[in-house]
Protein backbone atom coordinates (compact mmCIF):
# COMPACT_ATOMS: atom_id res chain seq x y z
CA UNK A 1 172.74 135.92 -17.79
CA UNK A 2 170.85 134.21 -20.33
CA UNK A 3 168.05 135.01 -22.43
CA UNK A 4 164.67 133.63 -22.19
CA UNK A 5 162.37 133.72 -25.29
CA UNK A 6 158.76 133.49 -25.02
CA UNK A 7 155.16 133.19 -26.52
CA UNK A 8 152.74 135.08 -24.82
CA UNK A 9 148.96 135.01 -25.68
CA UNK A 10 146.40 137.01 -24.13
CA UNK A 11 142.75 138.75 -23.66
CA UNK A 12 143.33 142.46 -24.10
CA UNK A 13 139.73 143.44 -22.87
CA UNK A 14 140.81 144.75 -19.53
CA UNK A 15 143.96 146.19 -19.93
CA UNK A 16 145.31 149.08 -21.46
CA UNK A 17 147.71 147.43 -24.00
CA UNK A 18 150.80 145.63 -24.15
CA UNK A 19 153.27 148.48 -22.83
CA UNK A 20 153.49 149.52 -19.21
CA UNK A 21 151.49 152.95 -18.75
CA UNK A 22 150.17 155.06 -15.80
CA UNK A 23 146.94 154.93 -16.70
CA UNK A 24 145.77 151.21 -16.16
CA UNK A 25 147.06 147.86 -16.20
CA UNK A 26 149.02 146.71 -18.79
CA UNK A 27 149.97 142.91 -19.88
CA UNK A 28 153.78 143.80 -19.75
CA UNK A 29 153.41 144.74 -16.47
CA UNK A 30 151.57 141.98 -15.07
CA UNK A 31 154.09 139.53 -16.88
CA UNK A 32 156.83 141.41 -15.38
CA UNK A 33 155.55 141.34 -12.08
CA UNK A 34 154.68 137.32 -12.73
CA UNK A 35 158.85 136.86 -13.69
CA UNK A 36 159.74 138.62 -10.29
CA UNK A 37 157.87 136.08 -8.48
CA UNK A 38 159.61 133.41 -10.06
CA UNK A 39 162.79 134.59 -10.34
CA UNK A 40 163.06 137.02 -7.56
CA UNK A 41 164.76 139.40 -10.08
CA UNK A 42 163.37 142.31 -11.46
CA UNK A 43 163.09 141.91 -15.56
CA UNK A 44 162.27 144.16 -18.12
CA UNK A 45 160.29 142.11 -20.43
CA UNK A 46 160.83 143.47 -24.28
CA UNK A 47 157.91 142.40 -26.88
CA UNK A 48 157.71 142.42 -30.58
CA UNK A 49 155.71 145.10 -30.71
CA UNK A 50 152.75 147.43 -29.03
CA UNK A 51 149.18 146.49 -29.13
CA UNK A 52 146.60 149.05 -28.17
CA UNK A 53 144.22 149.04 -25.48
CA UNK A 54 141.42 146.35 -26.08
CA UNK A 55 143.89 144.43 -28.91
CA UNK A 56 144.13 140.76 -28.27
CA UNK A 57 147.24 138.59 -28.74
CA UNK A 58 147.64 134.77 -30.20
CA UNK A 59 151.59 135.15 -30.54
CA UNK A 60 152.79 137.95 -28.66
CA UNK A 61 156.57 137.06 -28.65
CA UNK A 62 158.59 138.76 -25.83
CA UNK A 63 162.09 138.24 -23.88
CA UNK A 64 163.50 138.73 -20.42
CA UNK A 65 167.20 138.17 -19.38
CA UNK A 66 167.52 136.10 -15.89
CA UNK A 67 170.66 133.86 -14.17
CA UNK A 68 167.79 131.88 -12.76
CA UNK A 69 169.27 128.41 -13.75
CA UNK A 70 165.92 126.65 -14.13
CA UNK A 71 165.26 124.72 -17.29
CA UNK A 72 163.99 126.84 -19.85
CA UNK A 73 160.67 125.40 -21.06
CA UNK A 74 159.71 125.25 -17.85
CA UNK A 75 159.27 129.37 -17.25
CA UNK A 76 156.20 129.01 -19.06
CA UNK A 77 154.44 126.87 -16.47
CA UNK A 78 156.43 128.60 -13.78
CA UNK A 79 154.79 132.14 -15.23
CA UNK A 80 151.56 131.03 -15.65
CA UNK A 81 150.83 130.04 -12.01
CA UNK A 82 151.28 134.06 -11.25
CA UNK A 83 149.48 134.91 -13.94
CA UNK A 84 145.59 135.95 -14.45
CA UNK A 85 143.68 133.68 -16.53
CA UNK A 86 143.58 136.25 -19.66
CA UNK A 87 147.22 135.97 -19.58
CA UNK A 88 149.02 132.90 -20.71
CA UNK A 89 152.58 131.68 -21.64
CA UNK A 90 152.33 129.38 -24.22
CA UNK A 91 156.23 128.78 -24.90
CA UNK A 92 159.42 129.42 -23.22
CA UNK A 93 162.82 128.74 -24.41
CA UNK A 94 166.48 129.63 -24.17
CA UNK A 95 167.64 132.05 -26.78
CA UNK A 96 170.85 133.57 -28.09
CA UNK A 97 172.07 137.17 -26.21
CA UNK A 98 171.74 138.55 -29.69
CA UNK A 99 167.68 137.86 -30.09
CA UNK A 100 165.36 140.74 -29.65
CA UNK A 101 161.68 139.98 -29.77
CA UNK A 102 161.17 143.68 -31.69
CA UNK A 103 164.38 144.11 -33.56
CA UNK A 104 164.89 141.04 -34.99
CA UNK A 105 161.49 140.51 -36.05
CA UNK A 106 161.05 140.35 -39.88
CA UNK A 107 157.32 140.50 -40.20
CA UNK A 108 154.08 140.25 -38.28
CA UNK A 109 150.71 139.43 -38.90
CA UNK A 110 147.40 140.76 -37.76
CA UNK A 111 143.81 139.34 -37.97
CA UNK A 112 140.88 141.16 -37.64
CA UNK A 113 137.30 139.46 -37.12
CA UNK A 114 133.91 140.67 -37.93
CA UNK A 115 131.00 139.00 -37.16
CA UNK A 116 128.16 139.50 -39.68
CA UNK A 117 124.36 138.91 -39.64
CA UNK A 118 121.41 140.79 -37.82
CA UNK A 119 122.37 140.05 -34.63
CA UNK A 120 125.59 140.26 -32.28
CA UNK A 121 126.98 136.88 -31.23
CA UNK A 122 126.86 136.94 -27.15
CA UNK A 123 130.17 134.63 -27.15
CA UNK A 124 132.04 136.53 -29.57
CA UNK A 125 130.98 139.89 -28.93
CA UNK A 126 134.31 140.70 -27.37
CA UNK A 127 136.54 139.26 -29.93
CA UNK A 128 134.94 140.31 -33.20
CA UNK A 129 133.20 143.69 -34.47
CA UNK A 130 129.27 143.24 -35.17
CA UNK A 131 128.48 144.34 -38.88
CA UNK A 132 124.77 144.00 -39.57
CA UNK A 133 124.56 145.59 -42.50
CA UNK A 134 125.62 143.50 -46.04
CA UNK A 135 129.30 143.78 -46.86
CA UNK A 136 130.57 143.59 -50.81
CA UNK A 137 133.17 140.94 -49.62
CA UNK A 138 134.69 141.10 -53.31
CA UNK A 139 135.31 144.62 -53.54
CA UNK A 140 136.96 144.43 -49.72
CA UNK A 141 139.37 142.04 -50.97
CA UNK A 142 139.64 144.08 -54.31
CA UNK A 143 140.79 146.98 -51.94
CA UNK A 144 142.66 144.35 -49.78
CA UNK A 145 144.92 143.31 -53.00
CA UNK A 146 145.84 147.11 -53.54
CA UNK A 147 147.48 147.19 -49.91
CA UNK A 148 149.92 144.42 -50.99
CA UNK A 149 153.42 145.74 -51.95
CA UNK A 150 155.92 148.55 -50.77
CA UNK A 151 153.91 151.75 -49.89
CA UNK A 152 153.62 155.18 -48.11
CA UNK A 153 151.09 154.41 -45.63
CA UNK A 154 150.67 157.91 -44.10
CA UNK A 155 146.94 157.86 -44.83
CA UNK A 156 146.58 155.05 -42.54
CA UNK A 157 148.05 156.60 -39.65
CA UNK A 158 146.66 158.15 -36.83
CA UNK A 159 147.18 161.77 -36.67
CA UNK A 160 149.37 163.52 -34.45
CA UNK A 161 152.11 160.51 -34.87
CA UNK A 162 155.72 161.28 -35.87
CA UNK A 163 157.63 158.35 -37.80
CA UNK A 164 161.08 158.47 -39.62
CA UNK A 165 159.12 157.20 -42.43
CA UNK A 166 155.71 155.65 -43.28
CA UNK A 167 156.80 153.13 -45.92
CA UNK A 168 156.07 149.93 -45.15
CA UNK A 169 156.00 146.52 -47.22
CA UNK A 170 153.09 144.57 -46.97
CA UNK A 171 153.14 140.46 -48.19
CA UNK A 172 149.63 139.56 -47.16
CA UNK A 173 146.52 141.13 -47.30
CA UNK A 174 142.95 139.30 -48.07
CA UNK A 175 139.80 138.47 -46.33
CA UNK A 176 138.05 135.64 -46.07
CA UNK A 177 134.57 133.82 -45.21
CA UNK A 178 134.32 131.63 -42.54
CA UNK A 179 130.78 130.94 -41.46
CA UNK A 180 128.93 134.23 -39.94
CA UNK A 181 132.65 135.67 -39.98
CA UNK A 182 134.66 138.00 -41.99
CA UNK A 183 138.17 137.56 -41.20
CA UNK A 184 141.37 139.98 -42.52
CA UNK A 185 144.65 139.19 -42.55
CA UNK A 186 147.38 140.99 -42.95
CA UNK A 187 151.15 140.50 -43.15
CA UNK A 188 154.24 142.83 -43.30
CA UNK A 189 157.63 144.33 -42.14
CA UNK A 190 155.65 146.80 -39.65
CA UNK A 191 152.99 148.31 -39.15
CA UNK A 192 151.80 152.21 -38.05
CA UNK A 193 150.20 153.37 -34.95
CA UNK A 194 146.44 152.21 -35.84
CA UNK A 195 146.83 151.05 -39.24
CA UNK A 196 145.48 147.80 -39.60
CA UNK A 197 142.33 149.02 -37.86
CA UNK A 198 141.95 152.31 -40.53
CA UNK A 199 142.61 149.67 -43.32
CA UNK A 200 140.00 147.48 -41.97
CA UNK A 201 137.92 150.62 -41.33
CA UNK A 202 138.25 151.83 -44.91
CA UNK A 203 137.32 148.37 -46.73
CA UNK A 204 134.19 148.06 -44.06
CA UNK A 205 133.50 151.48 -45.53
CA UNK A 206 133.77 150.61 -48.90
CA UNK A 207 132.02 147.08 -48.76
CA UNK A 208 128.98 148.80 -47.20
CA UNK A 209 128.59 151.31 -49.29
CA UNK A 210 129.15 153.99 -46.90
CA UNK A 211 132.60 155.17 -48.60
CA UNK A 212 133.51 155.19 -52.46
CA UNK A 213 134.21 152.27 -54.30
CA UNK A 214 137.70 154.09 -54.90
CA UNK A 215 138.74 154.95 -51.43
CA UNK A 216 141.56 152.63 -50.66
CA UNK A 217 143.12 153.71 -54.20
CA UNK A 218 142.74 157.40 -53.47
CA UNK A 219 143.95 157.04 -50.26
CA UNK A 220 147.52 155.27 -50.93
CA UNK A 221 147.46 158.02 -53.54
CA UNK A 222 147.08 161.10 -51.73
CA UNK A 223 148.81 160.16 -48.88
CA UNK A 224 145.74 161.84 -46.64
CA UNK A 225 144.04 160.55 -43.78
CA UNK A 226 140.63 162.25 -44.80
CA UNK A 227 140.72 159.87 -47.64
CA UNK A 228 140.68 157.00 -45.43
CA UNK A 229 138.17 155.40 -43.21
CA UNK A 230 137.41 155.42 -39.45
CA UNK A 231 139.32 153.57 -37.16
CA UNK A 232 137.64 150.27 -36.32
CA UNK A 233 137.23 149.18 -33.23
CA UNK A 234 140.12 147.59 -31.23
CA UNK A 235 138.60 144.06 -29.94
CA UNK A 236 138.10 142.45 -33.05
CA UNK A 237 142.03 142.58 -33.46
CA UNK A 238 144.68 140.01 -32.74
CA UNK A 239 147.97 139.75 -33.15
CA UNK A 240 148.64 136.62 -34.88
CA UNK A 241 151.86 135.84 -35.75
CA UNK A 242 155.41 136.77 -35.47
CA UNK A 243 158.05 136.03 -37.76
CA UNK A 244 162.03 135.66 -36.89
CA UNK A 245 164.76 134.02 -39.39
CA UNK A 246 165.13 131.21 -36.99
CA UNK A 247 161.67 131.09 -35.37
CA UNK A 248 158.05 130.96 -36.24
CA UNK A 249 154.97 131.40 -33.95
CA UNK A 250 153.00 129.44 -36.32
CA UNK A 251 155.40 126.59 -36.55
CA UNK A 252 156.29 126.81 -32.64
CA UNK A 253 152.85 126.71 -31.65
CA UNK A 254 151.77 123.72 -34.24
CA UNK A 255 154.20 122.02 -31.90
CA UNK A 256 152.96 122.76 -28.48
CA UNK A 257 150.76 120.38 -27.12
């Protein structure tokens, strides 16, 4: 049996998320069906992590097992002939049996896109949150810097979820301005349910003056969800990069034509 590693991009607008579930069509379900069409085998597709309904991915990593003798790099082309236009396999290769898309991952990077200005942009409306109010970018970056390091992020997890520990290590957290867009990049060894969206909601609240200027510090200290801001909408969020000891989607995609 061979293990095939893939990088998958998708527009999450019309899906209930990555993981197959009963309440709608998921990205995983679509790709598993494409694998069946190509190989004639039912395979379980394992992703680097779940993305929620409406969240997008530039570089989701996933693997599946097959005994079909097709050249590994041809799987991407073959699968795409059976996938809708909003899902694309960008890369495929054979990897070791020990590799696991989720458990072998060392770090993931997400980006959240905010479009600023008085009017929402027609062409980016599915991929960025429109913020019409002025935002204090310096203050938002001061708040973002507090996220770097190892912290208990209990205040930034949706209520009703149980985890063994809410401690995560974040290596990158910053806002950048690119034209009319503000882009938040955050990278770490793992993320709690809705953690990135709550971080964004908190910083946008601070930057707009709707939340106190010390909200980030207060939430990190209190560990209370009520001290953090609202959960930002899903459509501005993109799974951007996944890093492994021997594999980095950023490096691989730089080589893909």
